[in-house]
Amino acid sequence: MEQRILPSPARILGRALLFEALVSVFLLLAASAVFTLAGPGFSAIPVVARAIWFLASLTGGFLAARAAGSRRLLWGLAAGLGCLLVLLLLSLIFSMGSAHASAWFWCPLLCLVGGGIGGGLS
């Protein structure tokens, strides 16, 4: 019987974070084009940002769980946690600690839920 060799956890999460970043960049470019051309207003920007957080962590959770093969929900949550840590680090660097208070509530919730759902769907 052939035994499958699984990639290392660092490789799995690294690949998931890479795809999360690619999805985020693609969706941010698409959203900026829509905001430039259609101009829906500034009130829609936080909603779109939260949707991008969710979709990026969903994609990363799905890919990490698919690569791991077992314990898919935990791998999805780990990918969501990785996305969360990157977003919080970037937020602290670029906003100099003055991030909006609602971001500290929504970001962890959406990243972990998105990663968990992605892991469960894989």
PDB file of N, CA and C in Angstrom:
ATOM      1  N   MET A   1       0.833  -1.168   0.000  1.00  0.00           N
ATOM      2  CA  MET A   1       0.000   0.000   0.000  1.00  0.00           C
ATOM      3  C   MET A   1       0.885   1.240   0.000  1.00  0.00           C
ATOM      4  N   GLU A   2       0.534   2.181  -0.824  1.00  0.00           N
ATOM      5  CA  GLU A   2       1.329   3.396  -0.958  1.00  0.00           C
ATOM      6  C   GLU A   2       0.973   4.373   0.157  1.00  0.00           C
ATOM      7  N   GLN A   3       1.999   4.907   0.806  1.00  0.00           N
ATOM      8  CA  GLN A   3       1.773   5.843   1.887  1.00  0.00           C
ATOM      9  C   GLN A   3       1.993   7.271   1.370  1.00  0.00           C
ATOM     10  N   ARG A   4       1.063   8.150   1.684  1.00  0.00           N
ATOM     11  CA  ARG A   4       1.127   9.529   1.226  1.00  0.00           C
ATOM     12  C   ARG A   4       2.004  10.347   2.166  1.00  0.00           C
ATOM     13  N   ILE A   5       2.934  11.089   1.603  1.00  0.00           N
ATOM     14  CA  ILE A   5       3.807  11.943   2.399  1.00  0.00           C
ATOM     15  C   ILE A   5       3.174  13.318   2.485  1.00  0.00           C
ATOM     16  N   LEU A   6       2.891  13.750   3.706  1.00  0.00           N
ATOM     17  CA  LEU A   6       2.248  15.038   3.915  1.00  0.00           C
ATOM     18  C   LEU A   6       3.293  16.144   4.021  1.00  0.00           C
ATOM     19  N   PRO A   7       2.979  17.328   3.511  1.00  0.00           N
ATOM     20  CA  PRO A   7       3.905  18.454   3.649  1.00  0.00           C
ATOM     21  C   PRO A   7       3.975  18.922   5.101  1.00  0.00           C
ATOM     22  N   SER A   8       5.008  19.675   5.416  1.00  0.00           N
ATOM     23  CA  SER A   8       5.191  20.151   6.786  1.00  0.00           C
ATOM     24  C   SER A   8       4.138  21.210   7.124  1.00  0.00           C
ATOM     25  N   PRO A   9       3.834  21.367   8.409  1.00  0.00           N
ATOM     26  CA  PRO A   9       2.853  22.385   8.813  1.00  0.00           C
ATOM     27  C   PRO A   9       3.245  23.800   8.394  1.00  0.00           C
ATOM     28  N   ALA A  10       4.534  24.112   8.453  1.00  0.00           N
ATOM     29  CA  ALA A  10       4.973  25.442   8.027  1.00  0.00           C
ATOM     30  C   ALA A  10       4.718  25.656   6.545  1.00  0.00           C
ATOM     31  N   ARG A  11       4.921  24.648   5.745  1.00  0.00           N
ATOM     32  CA  ARG A  11       4.676  24.756   4.307  1.00  0.00           C
ATOM     33  C   ARG A  11       3.181  24.896   4.018  1.00  0.00           C
ATOM     34  N   ILE A  12       2.362  24.148   4.751  1.00  0.00           N
ATOM     35  CA  ILE A  12       0.917  24.223   4.559  1.00  0.00           C
ATOM     36  C   ILE A  12       0.409  25.625   4.894  1.00  0.00           C
ATOM     37  N   LEU A  13       0.801  26.146   6.058  1.00  0.00           N
ATOM     38  CA  LEU A  13       0.331  27.464   6.467  1.00  0.00           C
ATOM     39  C   LEU A  13       0.957  28.574   5.628  1.00  0.00           C
ATOM     40  N   GLY A  14       2.190  28.404   5.215  1.00  0.00           N
ATOM     41  CA  GLY A  14       2.821  29.391   4.349  1.00  0.00           C
ATOM     42  C   GLY A  14       2.116  29.501   3.013  1.00  0.00           C
ATOM     43  N   ARG A  15       1.765  28.368   2.453  1.00  0.00           N
ATOM     44  CA  ARG A  15       1.040  28.367   1.181  1.00  0.00           C
ATOM     45  C   ARG A  15      -0.354  28.977   1.363  1.00  0.00           C
ATOM     46  N   ALA A  16      -0.999  28.679   2.479  1.00  0.00           N
ATOM     47  CA  ALA A  16      -2.321  29.256   2.748  1.00  0.00           C
ATOM     48  C   ALA A  16      -2.230  30.774   2.894  1.00  0.00           C
ATOM     49  N   LEU A  17      -1.216  31.262   3.594  1.00  0.00           N
ATOM     50  CA  LEU A  17      -1.044  32.706   3.749  1.00  0.00           C
ATOM     51  C   LEU A  17      -0.730  33.378   2.413  1.00  0.00           C
ATOM     52  N   LEU A  18       0.026  32.717   1.573  1.00  0.00           N
ATOM     53  CA  LEU A  18       0.320  33.260   0.250  1.00  0.00           C
ATOM     54  C   LEU A  18      -0.956  33.400  -0.569  1.00  0.00           C
ATOM     55  N   PHE A  19      -1.795  32.376  -0.568  1.00  0.00           N
ATOM     56  CA  PHE A  19      -3.049  32.454  -1.313  1.00  0.00           C
ATOM     57  C   PHE A  19      -4.012  33.458  -0.692  1.00  0.00           C
ATOM     58  N   GLU A  20      -3.997  33.582   0.633  1.00  0.00           N
ATOM     59  CA  GLU A  20      -4.813  34.604   1.276  1.00  0.00           C
ATOM     60  C   GLU A  20      -4.392  35.994   0.819  1.00  0.00           C
ATOM     61  N   ALA A  21      -3.086  36.217   0.729  1.00  0.00           N
ATOM     62  CA  ALA A  21      -2.587  37.512   0.277  1.00  0.00           C
ATOM     63  C   ALA A  21      -2.955  37.759  -1.182  1.00  0.00           C
ATOM     64  N   LEU A  22      -2.839  36.746  -2.019  1.00  0.00           N
ATOM     65  CA  LEU A  22      -3.190  36.913  -3.430  1.00  0.00           C
ATOM     66  C   LEU A  22      -4.677  37.208  -3.609  1.00  0.00           C
ATOM     67  N   VAL A  23      -5.522  36.506  -2.873  1.00  0.00           N
ATOM     68  CA  VAL A  23      -6.962  36.760  -2.942  1.00  0.00           C
ATOM     69  C   VAL A  23      -7.264  38.171  -2.440  1.00  0.00           C
ATOM     70  N   SER A  24      -6.611  38.577  -1.364  1.00  0.00           N
ATOM     71  CA  SER A  24      -6.832  39.921  -0.828  1.00  0.00           C
ATOM     72  C   SER A  24      -6.437  40.991  -1.833  1.00  0.00           C
ATOM     73  N   VAL A  25      -5.288  40.829  -2.452  1.00  0.00           N
ATOM     74  CA  VAL A  25      -4.830  41.819  -3.435  1.00  0.00           C
ATOM     75  C   VAL A  25      -5.784  41.879  -4.620  1.00  0.00           C
ATOM     76  N   PHE A  26      -6.187  40.730  -5.129  1.00  0.00           N
ATOM     77  CA  PHE A  26      -7.105  40.704  -6.267  1.00  0.00           C
ATOM     78  C   PHE A  26      -8.437  41.369  -5.918  1.00  0.00           C
ATOM     79  N   LEU A  27      -8.996  41.019  -4.755  1.00  0.00           N
ATOM     80  CA  LEU A  27     -10.278  41.597  -4.357  1.00  0.00           C
ATOM     81  C   LEU A  27     -10.166  43.087  -4.042  1.00  0.00           C
ATOM     82  N   LEU A  28      -9.044  43.513  -3.473  1.00  0.00           N
ATOM     83  CA  LEU A  28      -8.854  44.941  -3.215  1.00  0.00           C
ATOM     84  C   LEU A  28      -8.731  45.733  -4.511  1.00  0.00           C
ATOM     85  N   LEU A  29      -8.044  45.169  -5.502  1.00  0.00           N
ATOM     86  CA  LEU A  29      -7.963  45.840  -6.803  1.00  0.00           C
ATOM     87  C   LEU A  29      -9.334  45.927  -7.458  1.00  0.00           C
ATOM     88  N   ALA A  30     -10.105  44.852  -7.385  1.00  0.00           N
ATOM     89  CA  ALA A  30     -11.449  44.874  -7.955  1.00  0.00           C
ATOM     90  C   ALA A  30     -12.340  45.870  -7.222  1.00  0.00           C
ATOM     91  N   ALA A  31     -12.251  45.902  -5.906  1.00  0.00           N
ATOM     92  CA  ALA A  31     -13.070  46.841  -5.133  1.00  0.00           C
ATOM     93  C   ALA A  31     -12.663  48.286  -5.406  1.00  0.00           C
ATOM     94  N   SER A  32     -11.374  48.533  -5.541  1.00  0.00           N
ATOM     95  CA  SER A  32     -10.946  49.908  -5.836  1.00  0.00           C
ATOM     96  C   SER A  32     -11.414  50.347  -7.215  1.00  0.00           C
ATOM     97  N   ALA A  33     -11.445  49.430  -8.178  1.00  0.00           N
ATOM     98  CA  ALA A  33     -11.968  49.771  -9.501  1.00  0.00           C
ATOM     99  C   ALA A  33     -13.460  50.089  -9.420  1.00  0.00           C
ATOM    100  N   VAL A  34     -14.200  49.299  -8.648  1.00  0.00           N
ATOM    101  CA  VAL A  34     -15.634  49.550  -8.506  1.00  0.00           C
ATOM    102  C   VAL A  34     -15.873  50.882  -7.799  1.00  0.00           C
ATOM    103  N   PHE A  35     -15.108  51.156  -6.751  1.00  0.00           N
ATOM    104  CA  PHE A  35     -15.282  52.417  -6.027  1.00  0.00           C
ATOM    105  C   PHE A  35     -14.888  53.613  -6.891  1.00  0.00           C
ATOM    106  N   THR A  36     -13.899  53.444  -7.735  1.00  0.00           N
ATOM    107  CA  THR A  36     -13.486  54.534  -8.611  1.00  0.00           C
ATOM    108  C   THR A  36     -14.512  54.796  -9.701  1.00  0.00           C
ATOM    109  N   LEU A  37     -15.016  53.742 -10.311  1.00  0.00           N
ATOM    110  CA  LEU A  37     -15.941  53.907 -11.426  1.00  0.00           C
ATOM    111  C   LEU A  37     -17.369  54.215 -10.976  1.00  0.00           C
ATOM    112  N   ALA A  38     -17.848  53.524  -9.957  1.00  0.00           N
ATOM    113  CA  ALA A  38     -19.240  53.677  -9.553  1.00  0.00           C
ATOM    114  C   ALA A  38     -19.417  54.686  -8.424  1.00  0.00           C
ATOM    115  N   GLY A  39     -18.420  54.786  -7.553  1.00  0.00           N
ATOM    116  CA  GLY A  39     -18.510  55.722  -6.441  1.00  0.00           C
ATOM    117  C   GLY A  39     -19.663  55.466  -5.500  1.00  0.00           C
ATOM    118  N   PRO A  40     -19.766  54.260  -4.894  1.00  0.00           N
ATOM    119  CA  PRO A  40     -20.910  53.962  -4.031  1.00  0.00           C
ATOM    120  C   PRO A  40     -20.924  54.741  -2.722  1.00  0.00           C
ATOM    121  N   GLY A  41     -19.850  55.398  -2.384  1.00  0.00           N
ATOM    122  CA  GLY A  41     -19.811  56.178  -1.152  1.00  0.00           C
ATOM    123  C   GLY A  41     -18.884  55.555  -0.120  1.00  0.00           C
ATOM    124  N   PHE A  42     -18.512  56.396   0.844  1.00  0.00           N
ATOM    125  CA  PHE A  42     -17.550  55.950   1.844  1.00  0.00           C
ATOM    126  C   PHE A  42     -18.145  54.980   2.856  1.00  0.00           C
ATOM    127  N   SER A  43     -19.435  54.935   2.990  1.00  0.00           N
ATOM    128  CA  SER A  43     -20.044  54.057   3.991  1.00  0.00           C
ATOM    129  C   SER A  43     -19.926  52.587   3.616  1.00  0.00           C
ATOM    130  N   ALA A  44     -19.689  52.287   2.349  1.00  0.00           N
ATOM    131  CA  ALA A  44     -19.578  50.896   1.907  1.00  0.00           C
ATOM    132  C   ALA A  44     -18.171  50.335   2.083  1.00  0.00           C
ATOM    133  N   ILE A  45     -17.199  51.178   2.310  1.00  0.00           N
ATOM    134  CA  ILE A  45     -15.808  50.719   2.379  1.00  0.00           C
ATOM    135  C   ILE A  45     -15.577  49.726   3.525  1.00  0.00           C
ATOM    136  N   PRO A  46     -16.034  49.983   4.764  1.00  0.00           N
ATOM    137  CA  PRO A  46     -15.805  48.988   5.822  1.00  0.00           C
ATOM    138  C   PRO A  46     -16.469  47.642   5.550  1.00  0.00           C
ATOM    139  N   VAL A  47     -17.632  47.661   4.940  1.00  0.00           N
ATOM    140  CA  VAL A  47     -18.328  46.412   4.632  1.00  0.00           C
ATOM    141  C   VAL A  47     -17.538  45.604   3.611  1.00  0.00           C
ATOM    142  N   VAL A  48     -17.023  46.274   2.594  1.00  0.00           N
ATOM    143  CA  VAL A  48     -16.225  45.595   1.568  1.00  0.00           C
ATOM    144  C   VAL A  48     -14.926  45.068   2.171  1.00  0.00           C
ATOM    145  N   ALA A  49     -14.291  45.838   3.042  1.00  0.00           N
ATOM    146  CA  ALA A  49     -13.059  45.379   3.688  1.00  0.00           C
ATOM    147  C   ALA A  49     -13.313  44.133   4.527  1.00  0.00           C
ATOM    148  N   ARG A  50     -14.421  44.115   5.246  1.00  0.00           N
ATOM    149  CA  ARG A  50     -14.752  42.934   6.056  1.00  0.00           C
ATOM    150  C   ARG A  50     -15.049  41.724   5.188  1.00  0.00           C
ATOM    151  N   ALA A  51     -15.706  41.938   4.072  1.00  0.00           N
ATOM    152  CA  ALA A  51     -15.978  40.830   3.147  1.00  0.00           C
ATOM    153  C   ALA A  51     -14.679  40.281   2.577  1.00  0.00           C
ATOM    154  N   ILE A  52     -13.727  41.147   2.297  1.00  0.00           N
ATOM    155  CA  ILE A  52     -12.432  40.698   1.783  1.00  0.00           C
ATOM    156  C   ILE A  52     -11.682  39.912   2.844  1.00  0.00           C
ATOM    157  N   TRP A  53     -11.720  40.357   4.099  1.00  0.00           N
ATOM    158  CA  TRP A  53     -11.090  39.593   5.183  1.00  0.00           C
ATOM    159  C   TRP A  53     -11.677  38.193   5.243  1.00  0.00           C
ATOM    160  N   PHE A  54     -12.999  38.120   5.197  1.00  0.00           N
ATOM    161  CA  PHE A  54     -13.673  36.831   5.300  1.00  0.00           C
ATOM    162  C   PHE A  54     -13.325  35.922   4.124  1.00  0.00           C
ATOM    163  N   LEU A  55     -13.409  36.443   2.911  1.00  0.00           N
ATOM    164  CA  LEU A  55     -13.145  35.614   1.726  1.00  0.00           C
ATOM    165  C   LEU A  55     -11.688  35.158   1.656  1.00  0.00           C
ATOM    166  N   ALA A  56     -10.763  36.016   2.057  1.00  0.00           N
ATOM    167  CA  ALA A  56      -9.351  35.629   2.040  1.00  0.00           C
ATOM    168  C   ALA A  56      -9.079  34.515   3.047  1.00  0.00           C
ATOM    169  N   SER A  57      -9.616  34.643   4.260  1.00  0.00           N
ATOM    170  CA  SER A  57      -9.385  33.591   5.257  1.00  0.00           C
ATOM    171  C   SER A  57     -10.149  32.317   4.903  1.00  0.00           C
ATOM    172  N   LEU A  58     -11.300  32.437   4.248  1.00  0.00           N
ATOM    173  CA  LEU A  58     -12.031  31.270   3.785  1.00  0.00           C
ATOM    174  C   LEU A  58     -11.198  30.494   2.763  1.00  0.00           C
ATOM    175  N   THR A  59     -10.592  31.210   1.831  1.00  0.00           N
ATOM    176  CA  THR A  59      -9.742  30.575   0.825  1.00  0.00           C
ATOM    177  C   THR A  59      -8.522  29.912   1.461  1.00  0.00           C
ATOM    178  N   GLY A  60      -7.868  30.623   2.363  1.00  0.00           N
ATOM    179  CA  GLY A  60      -6.699  30.056   3.032  1.00  0.00           C
ATOM    180  C   GLY A  60      -7.042  28.848   3.875  1.00  0.00           C
ATOM    181  N   GLY A  61      -8.157  28.908   4.590  1.00  0.00           N
ATOM    182  CA  GLY A  61      -8.593  27.767   5.394  1.00  0.00           C
ATOM    183  C   GLY A  61      -8.922  26.558   4.538  1.00  0.00           C
ATOM    184  N   PHE A  62      -9.574  26.801   3.408  1.00  0.00           N
ATOM    185  CA  PHE A  62      -9.905  25.717   2.495  1.00  0.00           C
ATOM    186  C   PHE A  62      -8.639  25.049   1.961  1.00  0.00           C
ATOM    187  N   LEU A  63      -7.680  25.846   1.518  1.00  0.00           N
ATOM    188  CA  LEU A  63      -6.451  25.286   0.946  1.00  0.00           C
ATOM    189  C   LEU A  63      -5.591  24.590   1.991  1.00  0.00           C
ATOM    190  N   ALA A  64      -5.515  25.161   3.192  1.00  0.00           N
ATOM    191  CA  ALA A  64      -4.714  24.531   4.247  1.00  0.00           C
ATOM    192  C   ALA A  64      -5.316  23.200   4.663  1.00  0.00           C
ATOM    193  N   ALA A  65      -6.636  23.166   4.811  1.00  0.00           N
ATOM    194  CA  ALA A  65      -7.289  21.917   5.219  1.00  0.00           C
ATOM    195  C   ALA A  65      -7.193  20.874   4.129  1.00  0.00           C
ATOM    196  N   ARG A  66      -7.297  21.290   2.895  1.00  0.00           N
ATOM    197  CA  ARG A  66      -7.186  20.350   1.769  1.00  0.00           C
ATOM    198  C   ARG A  66      -5.772  19.759   1.719  1.00  0.00           C
ATOM    199  N   ALA A  67      -4.764  20.578   1.971  1.00  0.00           N
ATOM    200  CA  ALA A  67      -3.384  20.086   1.924  1.00  0.00           C
ATOM    201  C   ALA A  67      -3.068  19.185   3.112  1.00  0.00           C
ATOM    202  N   ALA A  68      -3.661  19.478   4.272  1.00  0.00           N
ATOM    203  CA  ALA A  68      -3.357  18.694   5.469  1.00  0.00           C
ATOM    204  C   ALA A  68      -3.997  17.315   5.416  1.00  0.00           C
ATOM    205  N   GLY A  69      -5.220  17.238   4.936  1.00  0.00           N
ATOM    206  CA  GLY A  69      -5.874  15.942   4.799  1.00  0.00           C
ATOM    207  C   GLY A  69      -6.681  15.501   5.999  1.00  0.00           C
ATOM    208  N   SER A  70      -6.264  15.819   7.195  1.00  0.00           N
ATOM    209  CA  SER A  70      -7.008  15.432   8.393  1.00  0.00           C
ATOM    210  C   SER A  70      -7.077  16.635   9.329  1.00  0.00           C
ATOM    211  N   ARG A  71      -7.996  16.564  10.283  1.00  0.00           N
ATOM    212  CA  ARG A  71      -8.224  17.668  11.221  1.00  0.00           C
ATOM    213  C   ARG A  71      -8.441  18.977  10.461  1.00  0.00           C
ATOM    214  N   ARG A  72      -9.350  18.928   9.543  1.00  0.00           N
ATOM    215  CA  ARG A  72      -9.541  20.033   8.606  1.00  0.00           C
ATOM    216  C   ARG A  72     -10.024  21.309   9.292  1.00  0.00           C
ATOM    217  N   LEU A  73     -10.891  21.185  10.264  1.00  0.00           N
ATOM    218  CA  LEU A  73     -11.381  22.375  10.942  1.00  0.00           C
ATOM    219  C   LEU A  73     -10.241  23.097  11.665  1.00  0.00           C
ATOM    220  N   LEU A  74      -9.368  22.327  12.314  1.00  0.00           N
ATOM    221  CA  LEU A  74      -8.235  22.943  13.015  1.00  0.00           C
ATOM    222  C   LEU A  74      -7.275  23.616  12.048  1.00  0.00           C
ATOM    223  N   TRP A  75      -7.047  22.999  10.890  1.00  0.00           N
ATOM    224  CA  TRP A  75      -6.174  23.618   9.898  1.00  0.00           C
ATOM    225  C   TRP A  75      -6.802  24.884   9.332  1.00  0.00           C
ATOM    226  N   GLY A  76      -8.111  24.873   9.155  1.00  0.00           N
ATOM    227  CA  GLY A  76      -8.801  26.077   8.704  1.00  0.00           C
ATOM    228  C   GLY A  76      -8.708  27.195   9.721  1.00  0.00           C
ATOM    229  N   LEU A  77      -8.891  26.853  10.993  1.00  0.00           N
ATOM    230  CA  LEU A  77      -8.759  27.850  12.054  1.00  0.00           C
ATOM    231  C   LEU A  77      -7.331  28.375  12.151  1.00  0.00           C
ATOM    232  N   ALA A  78      -6.348  27.501  11.942  1.00  0.00           N
ATOM    233  CA  ALA A  78      -4.950  27.937  11.972  1.00  0.00           C
ATOM    234  C   ALA A  78      -4.657  28.905  10.829  1.00  0.00           C
ATOM    235  N   ALA A  79      -5.206  28.635   9.660  1.00  0.00           N
ATOM    236  CA  ALA A  79      -5.021  29.549   8.529  1.00  0.00           C
ATOM    237  C   ALA A  79      -5.714  30.878   8.797  1.00  0.00           C
ATOM    238  N   GLY A  80      -6.905  30.839   9.401  1.00  0.00           N
ATOM    239  CA  GLY A  80      -7.600  32.069   9.773  1.00  0.00           C
ATOM    240  C   GLY A  80      -6.837  32.859  10.816  1.00  0.00           C
ATOM    241  N   LEU A  81      -6.237  32.155  11.764  1.00  0.00           N
ATOM    242  CA  LEU A  81      -5.417  32.811  12.777  1.00  0.00           C
ATOM    243  C   LEU A  81      -4.186  33.452  12.152  1.00  0.00           C
ATOM    244  N   GLY A  82      -3.588  32.777  11.179  1.00  0.00           N
ATOM    245  CA  GLY A  82      -2.439  33.364  10.476  1.00  0.00           C
ATOM    246  C   GLY A  82      -2.826  34.631   9.742  1.00  0.00           C
ATOM    247  N   CYS A  83      -3.965  34.614   9.087  1.00  0.00           N
ATOM    248  CA  CYS A  83      -4.475  35.803   8.391  1.00  0.00           C
ATOM    249  C   CYS A  83      -4.737  36.924   9.391  1.00  0.00           C
ATOM    250  N   LEU A  84      -5.310  36.580  10.529  1.00  0.00           N
ATOM    251  CA  LEU A  84      -5.589  37.559  11.574  1.00  0.00           C
ATOM    252  C   LEU A  84      -4.303  38.207  12.078  1.00  0.00           C
ATOM    253  N   LEU A  85      -3.297  37.407  12.347  1.00  0.00           N
ATOM    254  CA  LEU A  85      -2.039  37.951  12.855  1.00  0.00           C
ATOM    255  C   LEU A  85      -1.371  38.881  11.846  1.00  0.00           C
ATOM    256  N   VAL A  86      -1.418  38.516  10.580  1.00  0.00           N
ATOM    257  CA  VAL A  86      -0.840  39.375   9.545  1.00  0.00           C
ATOM    258  C   VAL A  86      -1.606  40.694   9.462  1.00  0.00           C
ATOM    259  N   LEU A  87      -2.929  40.626   9.478  1.00  0.00           N
ATOM    260  CA  LEU A  87      -3.741  41.846   9.402  1.00  0.00           C
ATOM    261  C   LEU A  87      -3.525  42.750  10.612  1.00  0.00           C
ATOM    262  N   LEU A  88      -3.458  42.173  11.802  1.00  0.00           N
ATOM    263  CA  LEU A  88      -3.239  42.984  12.999  1.00  0.00           C
ATOM    264  C   LEU A  88      -1.841  43.593  13.017  1.00  0.00           C
ATOM    265  N   LEU A  89      -0.859  42.845  12.558  1.00  0.00           N
ATOM    266  CA  LEU A  89       0.498  43.384  12.485  1.00  0.00           C
ATOM    267  C   LEU A  89       0.568  44.537  11.497  1.00  0.00           C
ATOM    268  N   LEU A  90      -0.027  44.369  10.334  1.00  0.00           N
ATOM    269  CA  LEU A  90      -0.041  45.449   9.348  1.00  0.00           C
ATOM    270  C   LEU A  90      -0.828  46.655   9.853  1.00  0.00           C
ATOM    271  N   SER A  91      -1.907  46.399  10.573  1.00  0.00           N
ATOM    272  CA  SER A  91      -2.701  47.484  11.137  1.00  0.00           C
ATOM    273  C   SER A  91      -1.890  48.285  12.152  1.00  0.00           C
ATOM    274  N   LEU A  92      -1.146  47.587  12.992  1.00  0.00           N
ATOM    275  CA  LEU A  92      -0.326  48.286  13.984  1.00  0.00           C
ATOM    276  C   LEU A  92       0.810  49.063  13.337  1.00  0.00           C
ATOM    277  N   ILE A  93       1.389  48.508  12.287  1.00  0.00           N
ATOM    278  CA  ILE A  93       2.499  49.184  11.618  1.00  0.00           C
ATOM    279  C   ILE A  93       2.028  50.441  10.893  1.00  0.00           C
ATOM    280  N   PHE A  94       0.961  50.328  10.128  1.00  0.00           N
ATOM    281  CA  PHE A  94       0.564  51.432   9.267  1.00  0.00           C
ATOM    282  C   PHE A  94      -0.342  52.452   9.936  1.00  0.00           C
ATOM    283  N   SER A  95      -1.039  52.086  10.992  1.00  0.00           N
ATOM    284  CA  SER A  95      -1.907  53.063  11.645  1.00  0.00           C
ATOM    285  C   SER A  95      -1.283  53.607  12.926  1.00  0.00           C
ATOM    286  N   MET A  96      -0.118  53.166  13.267  1.00  0.00           N
ATOM    287  CA  MET A  96       0.599  53.606  14.458  1.00  0.00           C
ATOM    288  C   MET A  96      -0.228  53.448  15.738  1.00  0.00           C
ATOM    289  N   GLY A  97      -0.936  52.336  15.813  1.00  0.00           N
ATOM    290  CA  GLY A  97      -1.669  52.013  17.024  1.00  0.00           C
ATOM    291  C   GLY A  97      -3.010  52.697  17.154  1.00  0.00           C
ATOM    292  N   SER A  98      -3.448  53.436  16.149  1.00  0.00           N
ATOM    293  CA  SER A  98      -4.724  54.149  16.250  1.00  0.00           C
ATOM    294  C   SER A  98      -5.805  53.489  15.400  1.00  0.00           C
ATOM    295  N   ALA A  99      -5.830  52.179  15.376  1.00  0.00           N
ATOM    296  CA  ALA A  99      -6.830  51.456  14.596  1.00  0.00           C
ATOM    297  C   ALA A  99      -8.209  51.671  15.198  1.00  0.00           C
ATOM    298  N   HIS A 100      -9.197  51.645  14.351  1.00  0.00           N
ATOM    299  CA  HIS A 100     -10.574  51.838  14.792  1.00  0.00           C
ATOM    300  C   HIS A 100     -10.980  50.677  15.700  1.00  0.00           C
ATOM    301  N   ALA A 101     -11.747  50.972  16.720  1.00  0.00           N
ATOM    302  CA  ALA A 101     -12.097  49.964  17.730  1.00  0.00           C
ATOM    303  C   ALA A 101     -12.915  48.819  17.143  1.00  0.00           C
ATOM    304  N   SER A 102     -13.750  49.088  16.157  1.00  0.00           N
ATOM    305  CA  SER A 102     -14.574  48.010  15.604  1.00  0.00           C
ATOM    306  C   SER A 102     -13.729  47.002  14.825  1.00  0.00           C
ATOM    307  N   ALA A 103     -12.579  47.434  14.319  1.00  0.00           N
ATOM    308  CA  ALA A 103     -11.703  46.503  13.602  1.00  0.00           C
ATOM    309  C   ALA A 103     -11.166  45.434  14.544  1.00  0.00           C
ATOM    310  N   TRP A 104     -10.967  45.772  15.814  1.00  0.00           N
ATOM    311  CA  TRP A 104     -10.464  44.795  16.775  1.00  0.00           C
ATOM    312  C   TRP A 104     -11.525  43.766  17.135  1.00  0.00           C
ATOM    313  N   PHE A 105     -12.791  44.058  16.850  1.00  0.00           N
ATOM    314  CA  PHE A 105     -13.847  43.076  17.062  1.00  0.00           C
ATOM    315  C   PHE A 105     -14.101  42.252  15.802  1.00  0.00           C
ATOM    316  N   TRP A 106     -14.255  42.930  14.670  1.00  0.00           N
ATOM    317  CA  TRP A 106     -14.640  42.244  13.437  1.00  0.00           C
ATOM    318  C   TRP A 106     -13.515  41.426  12.825  1.00  0.00           C
ATOM    319  N   CYS A 107     -12.311  41.917  12.869  1.00  0.00           N
ATOM    320  CA  CYS A 107     -11.198  41.213  12.221  1.00  0.00           C
ATOM    321  C   CYS A 107     -10.990  39.811  12.787  1.00  0.00           C
ATOM    322  N   PRO A 108     -10.871  39.635  14.109  1.00  0.00           N
ATOM    323  CA  PRO A 108     -10.715  38.263  14.621  1.00  0.00           C
ATOM    324  C   PRO A 108     -11.915  37.380  14.333  1.00  0.00           C
ATOM    325  N   LEU A 109     -13.095  37.943  14.472  1.00  0.00           N
ATOM    326  CA  LEU A 109     -14.300  37.162  14.243  1.00  0.00           C
ATOM    327  C   LEU A 109     -14.371  36.662  12.801  1.00  0.00           C
ATOM    328  N   LEU A 110     -14.192  37.556  11.850  1.00  0.00           N
ATOM    329  CA  LEU A 110     -14.315  37.177  10.442  1.00  0.00           C
ATOM    330  C   LEU A 110     -13.179  36.276   9.975  1.00  0.00           C
ATOM    331  N   CYS A 111     -11.966  36.525  10.447  1.00  0.00           N
ATOM    332  CA  CYS A 111     -10.839  35.690  10.026  1.00  0.00           C
ATOM    333  C   CYS A 111     -10.965  34.267  10.560  1.00  0.00           C
ATOM    334  N   LEU A 112     -11.305  34.131  11.832  1.00  0.00           N
ATOM    335  CA  LEU A 112     -11.407  32.788  12.404  1.00  0.00           C
ATOM    336  C   LEU A 112     -12.626  32.038  11.875  1.00  0.00           C
ATOM    337  N   VAL A 113     -13.752  32.720  11.735  1.00  0.00           N
ATOM    338  CA  VAL A 113     -14.944  32.069  11.198  1.00  0.00           C
ATOM    339  C   VAL A 113     -14.721  31.686   9.731  1.00  0.00           C
ATOM    340  N   GLY A 114     -14.128  32.599   8.960  1.00  0.00           N
ATOM    341  CA  GLY A 114     -13.855  32.298   7.563  1.00  0.00           C
ATOM    342  C   GLY A 114     -12.901  31.127   7.389  1.00  0.00           C
ATOM    343  N   GLY A 115     -11.835  31.103   8.193  1.00  0.00           N
ATOM    344  CA  GLY A 115     -10.901  29.978   8.121  1.00  0.00           C
ATOM    345  C   GLY A 115     -11.539  28.673   8.550  1.00  0.00           C
ATOM    346  N   GLY A 116     -12.363  28.724   9.605  1.00  0.00           N
ATOM    347  CA  GLY A 116     -13.044  27.519  10.057  1.00  0.00           C
ATOM    348  C   GLY A 116     -14.048  26.987   9.041  1.00  0.00           C
ATOM    349  N   ILE A 117     -14.799  27.885   8.419  1.00  0.00           N
ATOM    350  CA  ILE A 117     -15.751  27.446   7.392  1.00  0.00           C
ATOM    351  C   ILE A 117     -15.004  26.891   6.185  1.00  0.00           C
ATOM    352  N   GLY A 118     -13.906  27.556   5.807  1.00  0.00           N
ATOM    353  CA  GLY A 118     -13.106  27.040   4.682  1.00  0.00           C
ATOM    354  C   GLY A 118     -12.547  25.657   4.976  1.00  0.00           C
ATOM    355  N   GLY A 119     -12.081  25.449   6.218  1.00  0.00           N
ATOM    356  CA  GLY A 119     -11.587  24.129   6.592  1.00  0.00           C
ATOM    357  C   GLY A 119     -12.692  23.089   6.607  1.00  0.00           C
ATOM    358  N   GLY A 120     -13.865  23.486   7.054  1.00  0.00           N
ATOM    359  CA  GLY A 120     -14.984  22.553   7.081  1.00  0.00           C
ATOM    360  C   GLY A 120     -15.508  22.203   5.694  1.00  0.00           C
ATOM    361  N   LEU A 121     -15.401  23.126   4.764  1.00  0.00           N
ATOM    362  CA  LEU A 121     -15.877  22.884   3.404  1.00  0.00           C
ATOM    363  C   LEU A 121     -14.931  22.045   2.549  1.00  0.00           C
ATOM    364  N   SER A 122     -13.679  21.966   2.979  1.00  0.00           N
ATOM    365  CA  SER A 122     -12.692  21.265   2.121  1.00  0.00           C
ATOM    366  C   SER A 122     -12.911  19.770   2.063  1.00  0.00           C
TER     367      SER A 122
END
